[in-house]
PDB file of all heavy atoms in Angstrom:
ATOM      1  N   PRO A   1     -66.696  42.526 -21.897  1.00  0.00           N
ATOM      2  CA  PRO A   1     -66.675  43.339 -23.128  1.00  0.00           C
ATOM      3  C   PRO A   1     -65.478  42.999 -24.006  1.00  0.00           C
ATOM      4  O   PRO A   1     -64.372  42.746 -23.516  1.00  0.00           O
ATOM      5  CB  PRO A   1     -66.583  44.774 -22.584  1.00  0.00           C
ATOM      6  CG  PRO A   1     -67.197  44.703 -21.222  1.00  0.00           C
ATOM      7  CD  PRO A   1     -66.814  43.354 -20.675  1.00  0.00           C
ATOM      8  N   ARG A   2     -65.695  43.008 -25.304  1.00  0.00           N
ATOM      9  CA  ARG A   2     -64.628  42.639 -26.240  1.00  0.00           C
ATOM     10  C   ARG A   2     -63.500  43.656 -26.260  1.00  0.00           C
ATOM     11  O   ARG A   2     -62.412  43.382 -26.776  1.00  0.00           O
ATOM     12  CB  ARG A   2     -65.189  42.478 -27.667  1.00  0.00           C
ATOM     13  CG  ARG A   2     -66.345  41.488 -27.775  1.00  0.00           C
ATOM     14  CD  ARG A   2     -66.076  40.189 -27.028  1.00  0.00           C
ATOM     15  NE  ARG A   2     -65.047  39.364 -27.676  1.00  0.00           N
ATOM     16  CZ  ARG A   2     -64.630  38.213 -27.185  1.00  0.00           C
ATOM     17  NH1 ARG A   2     -65.116  37.758 -26.037  1.00  0.00           N
ATOM     18  NH2 ARG A   2     -63.709  37.511 -27.831  1.00  0.00           N
ATOM     19  N   SER A   3     -63.740  44.848 -25.677  1.00  0.00           N
ATOM     20  CA  SER A   3     -62.671  45.859 -25.609  1.00  0.00           C
ATOM     21  C   SER A   3     -61.622  45.486 -24.556  1.00  0.00           C
ATOM     22  O   SER A   3     -60.543  46.086 -24.526  1.00  0.00           O
ATOM     23  CB  SER A   3     -63.258  47.231 -25.285  1.00  0.00           C
ATOM     24  OG  SER A   3     -63.981  47.195 -24.065  1.00  0.00           O
ATOM     25  N   ALA A   4     -61.940  44.520 -23.704  1.00  0.00           N
ATOM     26  CA  ALA A   4     -60.981  44.068 -22.702  1.00  0.00           C
ATOM     27  C   ALA A   4     -59.999  43.094 -23.335  1.00  0.00           C
ATOM     28  O   ALA A   4     -60.386  42.211 -24.095  1.00  0.00           O
ATOM     29  CB  ALA A   4     -61.712  43.408 -21.540  1.00  0.00           C
ATOM     30  N   ARG A   5     -58.736  43.250 -23.018  1.00  0.00           N
ATOM     31  CA  ARG A   5     -57.694  42.413 -23.592  1.00  0.00           C
ATOM     32  C   ARG A   5     -56.900  41.739 -22.473  1.00  0.00           C
ATOM     33  O   ARG A   5     -56.383  42.403 -21.579  1.00  0.00           O
ATOM     34  CB  ARG A   5     -56.738  43.249 -24.467  1.00  0.00           C
ATOM     35  CG  ARG A   5     -57.395  43.825 -25.713  1.00  0.00           C
ATOM     36  CD  ARG A   5     -57.710  42.706 -26.712  1.00  0.00           C
ATOM     37  NE  ARG A   5     -58.292  43.220 -27.952  1.00  0.00           N
ATOM     38  CZ  ARG A   5     -59.598  43.334 -28.181  1.00  0.00           C
ATOM     39  NH1 ARG A   5     -60.454  43.001 -27.222  1.00  0.00           N
ATOM     40  NH2 ARG A   5     -60.042  43.778 -29.323  1.00  0.00           N
ATOM     41  N   VAL A   6     -56.813  40.422 -22.539  1.00  0.00           N
ATOM     42  CA  VAL A   6     -56.127  39.647 -21.508  1.00  0.00           C
ATOM     43  C   VAL A   6     -54.632  39.627 -21.801  1.00  0.00           C
ATOM     44  O   VAL A   6     -54.194  39.145 -22.849  1.00  0.00           O
ATOM     45  CB  VAL A   6     -56.677  38.214 -21.447  1.00  0.00           C
ATOM     46  CG1 VAL A   6     -55.863  37.367 -20.465  1.00  0.00           C
ATOM     47  CG2 VAL A   6     -58.150  38.226 -21.043  1.00  0.00           C
ATOM     48  N   ARG A   7     -53.839  40.149 -20.848  1.00  0.00           N
ATOM     49  CA  ARG A   7     -52.389  40.218 -21.032  1.00  0.00           C
ATOM     50  C   ARG A   7     -51.621  39.332 -20.042  1.00  0.00           C
ATOM     51  O   ARG A   7     -50.426  39.119 -20.225  1.00  0.00           O
ATOM     52  CB  ARG A   7     -51.919  41.669 -20.908  1.00  0.00           C
ATOM     53  CG  ARG A   7     -52.531  42.574 -21.977  1.00  0.00           C
ATOM     54  CD  ARG A   7     -51.839  43.908 -22.052  1.00  0.00           C
ATOM     55  NE  ARG A   7     -52.445  44.756 -23.068  1.00  0.00           N
ATOM     56  CZ  ARG A   7     -52.142  44.702 -24.367  1.00  0.00           C
ATOM     57  NH1 ARG A   7     -51.242  43.828 -24.789  1.00  0.00           N
ATOM     58  NH2 ARG A   7     -52.735  45.505 -25.239  1.00  0.00           N
ATOM     59  N   HIS A   8     -52.276  38.850 -19.002  1.00  0.00           N
ATOM     60  CA  HIS A   8     -51.654  37.926 -18.058  1.00  0.00           C
ATOM     61  C   HIS A   8     -52.649  36.821 -17.708  1.00  0.00           C
ATOM     62  O   HIS A   8     -53.823  37.105 -17.467  1.00  0.00           O
ATOM     63  CB  HIS A   8     -51.239  38.628 -16.759  1.00  0.00           C
ATOM     64  CG  HIS A   8     -50.035  39.504 -16.895  1.00  0.00           C
ATOM     65  ND1 HIS A   8     -50.102  40.784 -17.402  1.00  0.00           N
ATOM     66  CD2 HIS A   8     -48.725  39.285 -16.576  1.00  0.00           C
ATOM     67  CE1 HIS A   8     -48.881  41.320 -17.388  1.00  0.00           C
ATOM     68  NE2 HIS A   8     -48.037  40.439 -16.900  1.00  0.00           N
ATOM     69  N   ILE A   9     -52.168  35.584 -17.663  1.00  0.00           N
ATOM     70  CA  ILE A   9     -52.965  34.463 -17.169  1.00  0.00           C
ATOM     71  C   ILE A   9     -52.114  33.709 -16.156  1.00  0.00           C
ATOM     72  O   ILE A   9     -51.010  33.253 -16.476  1.00  0.00           O
ATOM     73  CB  ILE A   9     -53.400  33.503 -18.290  1.00  0.00           C
ATOM     74  CG1 ILE A   9     -54.182  34.258 -19.383  1.00  0.00           C
ATOM     75  CG2 ILE A   9     -54.267  32.379 -17.728  1.00  0.00           C
ATOM     76  CD1 ILE A   9     -54.556  33.381 -20.569  1.00  0.00           C
ATOM     77  N   ALA A  10     -52.623  33.590 -14.929  1.00  0.00           N
ATOM     78  CA  ALA A  10     -51.913  32.882 -13.865  1.00  0.00           C
ATOM     79  C   ALA A  10     -52.737  31.680 -13.430  1.00  0.00           C
ATOM     80  O   ALA A  10     -53.944  31.793 -13.185  1.00  0.00           O
ATOM     81  CB  ALA A  10     -51.668  33.807 -12.678  1.00  0.00           C
ATOM     82  N   PHE A  11     -52.071  30.540 -13.323  1.00  0.00           N
ATOM     83  CA  PHE A  11     -52.705  29.318 -12.838  1.00  0.00           C
ATOM     84  C   PHE A  11     -52.153  29.023 -11.448  1.00  0.00           C
ATOM     85  O   PHE A  11     -50.932  28.912 -11.269  1.00  0.00           O
ATOM     86  CB  PHE A  11     -52.406  28.141 -13.769  1.00  0.00           C
ATOM     87  CG  PHE A  11     -52.938  28.307 -15.167  1.00  0.00           C
ATOM     88  CD1 PHE A  11     -52.176  28.934 -16.148  1.00  0.00           C
ATOM     89  CD2 PHE A  11     -54.195  27.842 -15.511  1.00  0.00           C
ATOM     90  CE1 PHE A  11     -52.653  29.100 -17.442  1.00  0.00           C
ATOM     91  CE2 PHE A  11     -54.695  27.994 -16.803  1.00  0.00           C
ATOM     92  CZ  PHE A  11     -53.915  28.624 -17.769  1.00  0.00           C
ATOM     93  N   GLY A  12     -53.053  28.921 -10.472  1.00  0.00           N
ATOM     94  CA  GLY A  12     -52.610  28.677  -9.110  1.00  0.00           C
ATOM     95  C   GLY A  12     -53.469  27.642  -8.420  1.00  0.00           C
ATOM     96  O   GLY A  12     -54.361  27.040  -8.995  1.00  0.00           O
ATOM     97  N   GLY A  13     -53.193  27.440  -7.137  1.00  0.00           N
ATOM     98  CA  GLY A  13     -53.915  26.404  -6.410  1.00  0.00           C
ATOM     99  C   GLY A  13     -53.638  26.480  -4.924  1.00  0.00           C
ATOM    100  O   GLY A  13     -53.352  27.560  -4.409  1.00  0.00           O
ATOM    101  N   GLY A  14     -53.673  25.328  -4.261  1.00  0.00           N
ATOM    102  CA  GLY A  14     -53.458  24.011  -4.812  1.00  0.00           C
ATOM    103  C   GLY A  14     -52.259  23.926  -5.755  1.00  0.00           C
ATOM    104  O   GLY A  14     -51.338  24.705  -5.714  1.00  0.00           O
ATOM    105  N   SER A  15     -52.359  22.943  -6.598  1.00  0.00           N
ATOM    106  CA  SER A  15     -51.324  22.728  -7.606  1.00  0.00           C
ATOM    107  C   SER A  15     -51.973  22.481  -8.958  1.00  0.00           C
ATOM    108  O   SER A  15     -52.653  21.469  -9.133  1.00  0.00           O
ATOM    109  CB  SER A  15     -50.455  21.521  -7.232  1.00  0.00           C
ATOM    110  OG  SER A  15     -49.773  21.748  -6.029  1.00  0.00           O
ATOM    111  N   PRO A  16     -51.789  23.374  -9.913  1.00  0.00           N
ATOM    112  CA  PRO A  16     -52.342  23.132 -11.253  1.00  0.00           C
ATOM    113  C   PRO A  16     -51.892  21.815 -11.864  1.00  0.00           C
ATOM    114  O   PRO A  16     -52.624  21.231 -12.663  1.00  0.00           O
ATOM    115  CB  PRO A  16     -51.832  24.332 -12.047  1.00  0.00           C
ATOM    116  CG  PRO A  16     -51.750  25.423 -11.029  1.00  0.00           C
ATOM    117  CD  PRO A  16     -51.250  24.736  -9.779  1.00  0.00           C
ATOM    118  N   ASN A  17     -50.692  21.332 -11.484  1.00  0.00           N
ATOM    119  CA  ASN A  17     -50.284  20.037 -12.037  1.00  0.00           C
ATOM    120  C   ASN A  17     -50.866  18.859 -11.267  1.00  0.00           C
ATOM    121  O   ASN A  17     -50.433  17.717 -11.430  1.00  0.00           O
ATOM    122  CB  ASN A  17     -48.764  19.912 -12.166  1.00  0.00           C
ATOM    123  CG  ASN A  17     -48.012  20.092 -10.878  1.00  0.00           C
ATOM    124  OD1 ASN A  17     -48.298  21.010 -10.101  1.00  0.00           O
ATOM    125  ND2 ASN A  17     -47.034  19.237 -10.622  1.00  0.00           N
ATOM    126  N   ALA A  18     -51.903  19.137 -10.451  1.00  0.00           N
ATOM    127  CA  ALA A  18     -52.696  18.050  -9.886  1.00  0.00           C
ATOM    128  C   ALA A  18     -53.619  17.455 -10.946  1.00  0.00           C
ATOM    129  O   ALA A  18     -54.096  16.330 -10.798  1.00  0.00           O
ATOM    130  CB  ALA A  18     -53.528  18.547  -8.700  1.00  0.00           C
ATOM    131  N   ILE A  19     -53.894  18.225 -12.007  1.00  0.00           N
ATOM    132  CA  ILE A  19     -54.677  17.698 -13.113  1.00  0.00           C
ATOM    133  C   ILE A  19     -53.725  17.098 -14.146  1.00  0.00           C
ATOM    134  O   ILE A  19     -52.515  17.324 -14.106  1.00  0.00           O
ATOM    135  CB  ILE A  19     -55.564  18.789 -13.750  1.00  0.00           C
ATOM    136  CG1 ILE A  19     -54.730  19.879 -14.421  1.00  0.00           C
ATOM    137  CG2 ILE A  19     -56.480  19.413 -12.697  1.00  0.00           C
ATOM    138  CD1 ILE A  19     -55.568  20.938 -15.155  1.00  0.00           C
ATOM    139  N   ALA A  20     -54.268  16.328 -15.067  1.00  0.00           N
ATOM    140  CA  ALA A  20     -53.441  15.685 -16.085  1.00  0.00           C
ATOM    141  C   ALA A  20     -52.948  16.710 -17.096  1.00  0.00           C
ATOM    142  O   ALA A  20     -53.621  17.721 -17.344  1.00  0.00           O
ATOM    143  CB  ALA A  20     -54.244  14.602 -16.799  1.00  0.00           C
ATOM    144  N   PRO A  21     -51.781  16.505 -17.696  1.00  0.00           N
ATOM    145  CA  PRO A  21     -51.250  17.465 -18.668  1.00  0.00           C
ATOM    146  C   PRO A  21     -52.223  17.768 -19.807  1.00  0.00           C
ATOM    147  O   PRO A  21     -52.357  18.927 -20.209  1.00  0.00           O
ATOM    148  CB  PRO A  21     -49.978  16.771 -19.182  1.00  0.00           C
ATOM    149  CG  PRO A  21     -49.547  15.896 -18.054  1.00  0.00           C
ATOM    150  CD  PRO A  21     -50.813  15.414 -17.414  1.00  0.00           C
ATOM    151  N   HIS A  22     -52.907  16.745 -20.350  1.00  0.00           N
ATOM    152  CA  HIS A  22     -53.825  17.005 -21.458  1.00  0.00           C
ATOM    153  C   HIS A  22     -55.021  17.838 -20.997  1.00  0.00           C
ATOM    154  O   HIS A  22     -55.592  18.608 -21.786  1.00  0.00           O
ATOM    155  CB  HIS A  22     -54.300  15.689 -22.088  1.00  0.00           C
ATOM    156  CG  HIS A  22     -55.283  14.923 -21.259  1.00  0.00           C
ATOM    157  ND1 HIS A  22     -54.896  14.027 -20.284  1.00  0.00           N
ATOM    158  CD2 HIS A  22     -56.645  14.913 -21.257  1.00  0.00           C
ATOM    159  CE1 HIS A  22     -55.962  13.498 -19.716  1.00  0.00           C
ATOM    160  NE2 HIS A  22     -57.043  14.016 -20.289  1.00  0.00           N
ATOM    161  N   GLU A  23     -55.393  17.738 -19.700  1.00  0.00           N
ATOM    162  CA  GLU A  23     -56.489  18.556 -19.181  1.00  0.00           C
ATOM    163  C   GLU A  23     -56.051  20.017 -19.064  1.00  0.00           C
ATOM    164  O   GLU A  23     -56.855  20.936 -19.259  1.00  0.00           O
ATOM    165  CB  GLU A  23     -56.928  18.022 -17.824  1.00  0.00           C
ATOM    166  CG  GLU A  23     -57.606  16.668 -17.901  1.00  0.00           C
ATOM    167  CD  GLU A  23     -57.834  16.036 -16.541  1.00  0.00           C
ATOM    168  OE1 GLU A  23     -57.012  16.286 -15.615  1.00  0.00           O
ATOM    169  OE2 GLU A  23     -58.809  15.275 -16.399  1.00  0.00           O
ATOM    170  N   PHE A  24     -54.781  20.231 -18.782  1.00  0.00           N
ATOM    171  CA  PHE A  24     -54.257  21.590 -18.724  1.00  0.00           C
ATOM    172  C   PHE A  24     -54.287  22.226 -20.114  1.00  0.00           C
ATOM    173  O   PHE A  24     -54.671  23.390 -20.265  1.00  0.00           O
ATOM    174  CB  PHE A  24     -52.832  21.570 -18.174  1.00  0.00           C
ATOM    175  CG  PHE A  24     -52.239  22.929 -17.958  1.00  0.00           C
ATOM    176  CD1 PHE A  24     -52.607  23.704 -16.867  1.00  0.00           C
ATOM    177  CD2 PHE A  24     -51.307  23.454 -18.841  1.00  0.00           C
ATOM    178  CE1 PHE A  24     -52.056  24.963 -16.668  1.00  0.00           C
ATOM    179  CE2 PHE A  24     -50.755  24.709 -18.656  1.00  0.00           C
ATOM    180  CZ  PHE A  24     -51.125  25.464 -17.566  1.00  0.00           C
ATOM    181  N   VAL A  25     -53.901  21.461 -21.126  1.00  0.00           N
ATOM    182  CA  VAL A  25     -53.959  21.969 -22.504  1.00  0.00           C
ATOM    183  C   VAL A  25     -55.391  22.326 -22.874  1.00  0.00           C
ATOM    184  O   VAL A  25     -55.661  23.385 -23.477  1.00  0.00           O
ATOM    185  CB  VAL A  25     -53.398  20.924 -23.492  1.00  0.00           C
ATOM    186  CG1 VAL A  25     -53.610  21.390 -24.931  1.00  0.00           C
ATOM    187  CG2 VAL A  25     -51.919  20.690 -23.234  1.00  0.00           C
ATOM    188  N   ARG A  26     -56.319  21.473 -22.502  1.00  0.00           N
ATOM    189  CA  ARG A  26     -57.724  21.737 -22.805  1.00  0.00           C
ATOM    190  C   ARG A  26     -58.199  23.011 -22.109  1.00  0.00           C
ATOM    191  O   ARG A  26     -58.974  23.793 -22.666  1.00  0.00           O
ATOM    192  CB  ARG A  26     -58.572  20.538 -22.363  1.00  0.00           C
ATOM    193  CG  ARG A  26     -60.027  20.601 -22.795  1.00  0.00           C
ATOM    194  CD  ARG A  26     -60.754  19.334 -22.376  1.00  0.00           C
ATOM    195  NE  ARG A  26     -60.129  18.156 -22.981  1.00  0.00           N
ATOM    196  CZ  ARG A  26     -60.141  16.950 -22.438  1.00  0.00           C
ATOM    197  NH1 ARG A  26     -60.734  16.758 -21.271  1.00  0.00           N
ATOM    198  NH2 ARG A  26     -59.569  15.935 -23.060  1.00  0.00           N
ATOM    199  N   LEU A  27     -57.714  23.230 -20.880  1.00  0.00           N
ATOM    200  CA  LEU A  27     -58.079  24.427 -20.137  1.00  0.00           C
ATOM    201  C   LEU A  27     -57.561  25.685 -20.831  1.00  0.00           C
ATOM    202  O   LEU A  27     -58.279  26.690 -20.966  1.00  0.00           O
ATOM    203  CB  LEU A  27     -57.505  24.323 -18.724  1.00  0.00           C
ATOM    204  CG  LEU A  27     -58.083  25.186 -17.618  1.00  0.00           C
ATOM    205  CD1 LEU A  27     -59.573  24.990 -17.481  1.00  0.00           C
ATOM    206  CD2 LEU A  27     -57.364  24.879 -16.298  1.00  0.00           C
ATOM    207  N   VAL A  28     -56.326  25.643 -21.292  1.00  0.00           N
ATOM    208  CA  VAL A  28     -55.755  26.787 -22.010  1.00  0.00           C
ATOM    209  C   VAL A  28     -56.517  27.032 -23.308  1.00  0.00           C
ATOM    210  O   VAL A  28     -56.806  28.179 -23.676  1.00  0.00           O
ATOM    211  CB  VAL A  28     -54.260  26.559 -22.289  1.00  0.00           C
ATOM    212  CG1 VAL A  28     -53.700  27.662 -23.186  1.00  0.00           C
ATOM    213  CG2 VAL A  28     -53.465  26.502 -20.975  1.00  0.00           C
ATOM    214  N   ASN A  29     -56.880  25.974 -24.007  1.00  0.00           N
ATOM    215  CA  ASN A  29     -57.656  26.126 -25.247  1.00  0.00           C
ATOM    216  C   ASN A  29     -59.011  26.772 -24.966  1.00  0.00           C
ATOM    217  O   ASN A  29     -59.490  27.614 -25.743  1.00  0.00           O
ATOM    218  CB  ASN A  29     -57.858  24.774 -25.917  1.00  0.00           C
ATOM    219  CG  ASN A  29     -56.578  24.223 -26.523  1.00  0.00           C
ATOM    220  OD1 ASN A  29     -55.634  24.968 -26.765  1.00  0.00           O
ATOM    221  ND2 ASN A  29     -56.536  22.927 -26.767  1.00  0.00           N
ATOM    222  N   THR A  30     -59.639  26.399 -23.847  1.00  0.00           N
ATOM    223  CA  THR A  30     -60.926  26.993 -23.469  1.00  0.00           C
ATOM    224  C   THR A  30     -60.778  28.487 -23.218  1.00  0.00           C
ATOM    225  O   THR A  30     -61.621  29.294 -23.645  1.00  0.00           O
ATOM    226  CB  THR A  30     -61.476  26.304 -22.212  1.00  0.00           C
ATOM    227  OG1 THR A  30     -61.637  24.903 -22.459  1.00  0.00           O
ATOM    228  CG2 THR A  30     -62.821  26.890 -21.820  1.00  0.00           C
ATOM    229  N   LEU A  31     -59.713  28.881 -22.543  1.00  0.00           N
ATOM    230  CA  LEU A  31     -59.455  30.299 -22.291  1.00  0.00           C
ATOM    231  C   LEU A  31     -59.212  31.049 -23.599  1.00  0.00           C
ATOM    232  O   LEU A  31     -59.665  32.191 -23.782  1.00  0.00           O
ATOM    233  CB  LEU A  31     -58.248  30.456 -21.372  1.00  0.00           C
ATOM    234  CG  LEU A  31     -58.424  29.979 -19.928  1.00  0.00           C
ATOM    235  CD1 LEU A  31     -57.072  29.818 -19.243  1.00  0.00           C
ATOM    236  CD2 LEU A  31     -59.298  30.952 -19.141  1.00  0.00           C
TER     237      LEU A  31
END
């Protein structure tokens, strides 16, 4: 629902820096 507001985003794993830096940017843009 659009009434929900995201105030925290956590990236975990594994290791999020197992992906390439530009892929991480793309992931944040998707979110």
